[in-house]
Structure formats: structure tokens, C-alpha cells
Amino acid sequence: MAIVSRRDRRVIAWQSYRGAAFQTSDYITAIRFSAVTIAHIYFFKKII
């Protein structure tokens, strides 16, 4: 297995999320992931 950097892992996670968003079976997971992402963006903006 190749060593995957943290940035690459984030890109892979984002791509898999984008794919999951178009699958009804993973609809709840996509909503949960986007909610967490929005919360993180809001949190970091509040700090900065």
C-alpha cells in the first residue's frame, strides 16, 4: 500500500463524499458529512 499524505486523504474523502451525495443509500451520510464540514468552516472563521 502506498503512503497517503493527510492532504491526499482529504481529497479522497471529498471525492468519495461527492460520489456518495449522488447515491440515495448514502444520502444521510452525505448530509451528515456536509453538516460537519459547514460546522468546521464556521468554527474556523469564528477563530480567524
PDB file of N, CA and C in Angstrom:
ATOM      1  N   MET A   1       0.840  -1.211   0.000  1.00  0.00           N
ATOM      2  CA  MET A   1       0.000   0.000   0.000  1.00  0.00           C
ATOM      3  C   MET A   1       0.871   1.256   0.000  1.00  0.00           C
ATOM      4  N   ALA A   2       0.494   2.192  -0.794  1.00  0.00           N
ATOM      5  CA  ALA A   2       1.248   3.441  -0.865  1.00  0.00           C
ATOM      6  C   ALA A   2       0.926   4.325   0.333  1.00  0.00           C
ATOM      7  N   ILE A   3       1.906   5.094   0.739  1.00  0.00           N
ATOM      8  CA  ILE A   3       1.703   6.023   1.853  1.00  0.00           C
ATOM      9  C   ILE A   3       0.894   7.218   1.345  1.00  0.00           C
ATOM     10  N   VAL A   4      -0.190   7.493   2.026  1.00  0.00           N
ATOM     11  CA  VAL A   4      -1.074   8.590   1.617  1.00  0.00           C
ATOM     12  C   VAL A   4      -0.930   9.737   2.605  1.00  0.00           C
ATOM     13  N   SER A   5      -0.639  10.917   2.083  1.00  0.00           N
ATOM     14  CA  SER A   5      -0.485  12.082   2.941  1.00  0.00           C
ATOM     15  C   SER A   5      -1.848  12.540   3.456  1.00  0.00           C
ATOM     16  N   ARG A   6      -1.831  13.402   4.425  1.00  0.00           N
ATOM     17  CA  ARG A   6      -3.078  13.886   5.032  1.00  0.00           C
ATOM     18  C   ARG A   6      -3.903  14.690   4.032  1.00  0.00           C
ATOM     19  N   ARG A   7      -3.215  15.445   3.173  1.00  0.00           N
ATOM     20  CA  ARG A   7      -3.910  16.251   2.175  1.00  0.00           C
ATOM     21  C   ARG A   7      -4.577  15.353   1.135  1.00  0.00           C
ATOM     22  N   ASP A   8      -3.860  14.315   0.695  1.00  0.00           N
ATOM     23  CA  ASP A   8      -4.415  13.378  -0.276  1.00  0.00           C
ATOM     24  C   ASP A   8      -5.610  12.643   0.320  1.00  0.00           C
ATOM     25  N   ARG A   9      -5.499  12.307   1.592  1.00  0.00           N
ATOM     26  CA  ARG A   9      -6.592  11.611   2.272  1.00  0.00           C
ATOM     27  C   ARG A   9      -7.841  12.492   2.298  1.00  0.00           C
ATOM     28  N   ARG A  10      -7.625  13.800   2.476  1.00  0.00           N
ATOM     29  CA  ARG A  10      -8.734  14.754   2.491  1.00  0.00           C
ATOM     30  C   ARG A  10      -9.395  14.839   1.121  1.00  0.00           C
ATOM     31  N   VAL A  11      -8.567  14.812   0.073  1.00  0.00           N
ATOM     32  CA  VAL A  11      -9.086  14.860  -1.296  1.00  0.00           C
ATOM     33  C   VAL A  11      -9.876  13.601  -1.601  1.00  0.00           C
ATOM     34  N   ILE A  12      -9.346  12.444  -1.185  1.00  0.00           N
ATOM     35  CA  ILE A  12     -10.045  11.174  -1.410  1.00  0.00           C
ATOM     36  C   ILE A  12     -11.376  11.169  -0.663  1.00  0.00           C
ATOM     37  N   ALA A  13     -11.356  11.665   0.581  1.00  0.00           N
ATOM     38  CA  ALA A  13     -12.583  11.725   1.373  1.00  0.00           C
ATOM     39  C   ALA A  13     -13.608  12.635   0.706  1.00  0.00           C
ATOM     40  N   TRP A  14     -13.138  13.764   0.160  1.00  0.00           N
ATOM     41  CA  TRP A  14     -14.025  14.700  -0.509  1.00  0.00           C
ATOM     42  C   TRP A  14     -14.628  14.079  -1.767  1.00  0.00           C
ATOM     43  N   GLN A  15     -13.796  13.368  -2.546  1.00  0.00           N
ATOM     44  CA  GLN A  15     -14.276  12.728  -3.773  1.00  0.00           C
ATOM     45  C   GLN A  15     -15.282  11.633  -3.454  1.00  0.00           C
ATOM     46  N   SER A  16     -15.014  10.855  -2.413  1.00  0.00           N
ATOM     47  CA  SER A  16     -15.938   9.790  -2.031  1.00  0.00           C
ATOM     48  C   SER A  16     -17.246  10.396  -1.510  1.00  0.00           C
ATOM     49  N   TYR A  17     -17.147  11.554  -0.835  1.00  0.00           N
ATOM     50  CA  TYR A  17     -18.352  12.251  -0.375  1.00  0.00           C
ATOM     51  C   TYR A  17     -19.181  12.738  -1.556  1.00  0.00           C
ATOM     52  N   ARG A  18     -18.500  13.308  -2.551  1.00  0.00           N
ATOM     53  CA  ARG A  18     -19.177  13.789  -3.749  1.00  0.00           C
ATOM     54  C   ARG A  18     -19.891  12.644  -4.453  1.00  0.00           C
ATOM     55  N   GLY A  19     -19.251  11.473  -4.480  1.00  0.00           N
ATOM     56  CA  GLY A  19     -19.868  10.294  -5.084  1.00  0.00           C
ATOM     57  C   GLY A  19     -21.051   9.816  -4.262  1.00  0.00           C
ATOM     58  N   ALA A  20     -20.906   9.860  -2.933  1.00  0.00           N
ATOM     59  CA  ALA A  20     -21.964   9.401  -2.038  1.00  0.00           C
ATOM     60  C   ALA A  20     -23.182  10.314  -2.109  1.00  0.00           C
ATOM     61  N   ALA A  21     -22.957  11.581  -2.433  1.00  0.00           N
ATOM     62  CA  ALA A  21     -24.047  12.551  -2.478  1.00  0.00           C
ATOM     63  C   ALA A  21     -25.067  12.198  -3.563  1.00  0.00           C
ATOM     64  N   PHE A  22     -24.604  11.467  -4.580  1.00  0.00           N
ATOM     65  CA  PHE A  22     -25.492  11.111  -5.685  1.00  0.00           C
ATOM     66  C   PHE A  22     -26.077   9.712  -5.522  1.00  0.00           C
ATOM     67  N   GLN A  23     -25.818   9.080  -4.383  1.00  0.00           N
ATOM     68  CA  GLN A  23     -26.377   7.756  -4.110  1.00  0.00           C
ATOM     69  C   GLN A  23     -27.361   7.865  -2.956  1.00  0.00           C
ATOM     70  N   THR A  24     -28.603   7.458  -3.203  1.00  0.00           N
ATOM     71  CA  THR A  24     -29.647   7.592  -2.184  1.00  0.00           C
ATOM     72  C   THR A  24     -29.321   6.754  -0.953  1.00  0.00           C
ATOM     73  N   SER A  25     -28.581   5.663  -1.118  1.00  0.00           N
ATOM     74  CA  SER A  25     -28.246   4.799   0.017  1.00  0.00           C
ATOM     75  C   SER A  25     -27.336   5.517   0.999  1.00  0.00           C
ATOM     76  N   ASP A  26     -26.492   6.421   0.486  1.00  0.00           N
ATOM     77  CA  ASP A  26     -25.563   7.161   1.351  1.00  0.00           C
ATOM     78  C   ASP A  26     -26.015   8.611   1.537  1.00  0.00           C
ATOM     79  N   TYR A  27     -27.312   8.851   1.363  1.00  0.00           N
ATOM     80  CA  TYR A  27     -27.843  10.213   1.429  1.00  0.00           C
ATOM     81  C   TYR A  27     -27.646  10.816   2.816  1.00  0.00           C
ATOM     82  N   ILE A  28     -27.953  10.023   3.848  1.00  0.00           N
ATOM     83  CA  ILE A  28     -27.827  10.512   5.225  1.00  0.00           C
ATOM     84  C   ILE A  28     -26.362  10.789   5.551  1.00  0.00           C
ATOM     85  N   THR A  29     -25.480   9.917   5.079  1.00  0.00           N
ATOM     86  CA  THR A  29     -24.041  10.103   5.320  1.00  0.00           C
ATOM     87  C   THR A  29     -23.554  11.393   4.679  1.00  0.00           C
ATOM     88  N   ALA A  30     -24.042  11.672   3.466  1.00  0.00           N
ATOM     89  CA  ALA A  30     -23.638  12.884   2.758  1.00  0.00           C
ATOM     90  C   ALA A  30     -24.114  14.128   3.503  1.00  0.00           C
ATOM     91  N   ILE A  31     -25.354  14.078   3.998  1.00  0.00           N
ATOM     92  CA  ILE A  31     -25.903  15.214   4.744  1.00  0.00           C
ATOM     93  C   ILE A  31     -25.090  15.429   6.024  1.00  0.00           C
ATOM     94  N   ARG A  32     -24.785  14.329   6.712  1.00  0.00           N
ATOM     95  CA  ARG A  32     -24.032  14.413   7.954  1.00  0.00           C
ATOM     96  C   ARG A  32     -22.638  14.983   7.690  1.00  0.00           C
ATOM     97  N   PHE A  33     -22.006  14.524   6.601  1.00  0.00           N
ATOM     98  CA  PHE A  33     -20.653  14.983   6.254  1.00  0.00           C
ATOM     99  C   PHE A  33     -20.659  16.471   5.925  1.00  0.00           C
ATOM    100  N   SER A  34     -21.657  16.911   5.136  1.00  0.00           N
ATOM    101  CA  SER A  34     -21.731  18.325   4.758  1.00  0.00           C
ATOM    102  C   SER A  34     -22.023  19.195   5.979  1.00  0.00           C
ATOM    103  N   ALA A  35     -22.832  18.691   6.890  1.00  0.00           N
ATOM    104  CA  ALA A  35     -23.139  19.441   8.106  1.00  0.00           C
ATOM    105  C   ALA A  35     -21.879  19.628   8.947  1.00  0.00           C
ATOM    106  N   VAL A  36     -21.065  18.577   9.042  1.00  0.00           N
ATOM    107  CA  VAL A  36     -19.809  18.658   9.791  1.00  0.00           C
ATOM    108  C   VAL A  36     -18.855  19.637   9.111  1.00  0.00           C
ATOM    109  N   THR A  37     -18.808  19.592   7.776  1.00  0.00           N
ATOM    110  CA  THR A  37     -17.928  20.494   7.021  1.00  0.00           C
ATOM    111  C   THR A  37     -18.328  21.945   7.238  1.00  0.00           C
ATOM    112  N   ILE A  38     -19.631  22.224   7.178  1.00  0.00           N
ATOM    113  CA  ILE A  38     -20.130  23.593   7.389  1.00  0.00           C
ATOM    114  C   ILE A  38     -19.801  24.048   8.817  1.00  0.00           C
ATOM    115  N   ALA A  39     -19.957  23.143   9.773  1.00  0.00           N
ATOM    116  CA  ALA A  39     -19.660  23.473  11.166  1.00  0.00           C
ATOM    117  C   ALA A  39     -18.177  23.808  11.335  1.00  0.00           C
ATOM    118  N   HIS A  40     -17.318  23.036  10.658  1.00  0.00           N
ATOM    119  CA  HIS A  40     -15.875  23.293  10.739  1.00  0.00           C
ATOM    120  C   HIS A  40     -15.531  24.645  10.118  1.00  0.00           C
ATOM    121  N   ILE A  41     -16.121  24.949   8.955  1.00  0.00           N
ATOM    122  CA  ILE A  41     -15.852  26.226   8.285  1.00  0.00           C
ATOM    123  C   ILE A  41     -16.290  27.388   9.187  1.00  0.00           C
ATOM    124  N   TYR A  42     -17.482  27.266   9.774  1.00  0.00           N
ATOM    125  CA  TYR A  42     -17.996  28.298  10.657  1.00  0.00           C
ATOM    126  C   TYR A  42     -17.080  28.467  11.872  1.00  0.00           C
ATOM    127  N   PHE A  43     -16.627  27.335  12.420  1.00  0.00           N
ATOM    128  CA  PHE A  43     -15.775  27.344  13.611  1.00  0.00           C
ATOM    129  C   PHE A  43     -14.445  28.038  13.328  1.00  0.00           C
ATOM    130  N   PHE A  44     -13.817  27.694  12.188  1.00  0.00           N
ATOM    131  CA  PHE A  44     -12.522  28.290  11.846  1.00  0.00           C
ATOM    132  C   PHE A  44     -12.663  29.773  11.514  1.00  0.00           C
ATOM    133  N   LYS A  45     -13.760  30.151  10.866  1.00  0.00           N
ATOM    134  CA  LYS A  45     -13.981  31.568  10.552  1.00  0.00           C
ATOM    135  C   LYS A  45     -14.168  32.375  11.838  1.00  0.00           C
ATOM    136  N   LYS A  46     -14.787  31.757  12.836  1.00  0.00           N
ATOM    137  CA  LYS A  46     -15.005  32.438  14.106  1.00  0.00           C
ATOM    138  C   LYS A  46     -13.670  32.701  14.805  1.00  0.00           C
ATOM    139  N   ILE A  47     -12.732  31.749  14.681  1.00  0.00           N
ATOM    140  CA  ILE A  47     -11.404  31.915  15.293  1.00  0.00           C
ATOM    141  C   ILE A  47     -10.637  33.018  14.566  1.00  0.00           C
ATOM    142  N   ILE A  48     -10.671  32.978  13.230  1.00  0.00           N
ATOM    143  CA  ILE A  48      -9.937  33.962  12.424  1.00  0.00           C
ATOM    144  C   ILE A  48     -10.758  35.252  12.379  1.00  0.00           C
TER     145      ILE A  48
END
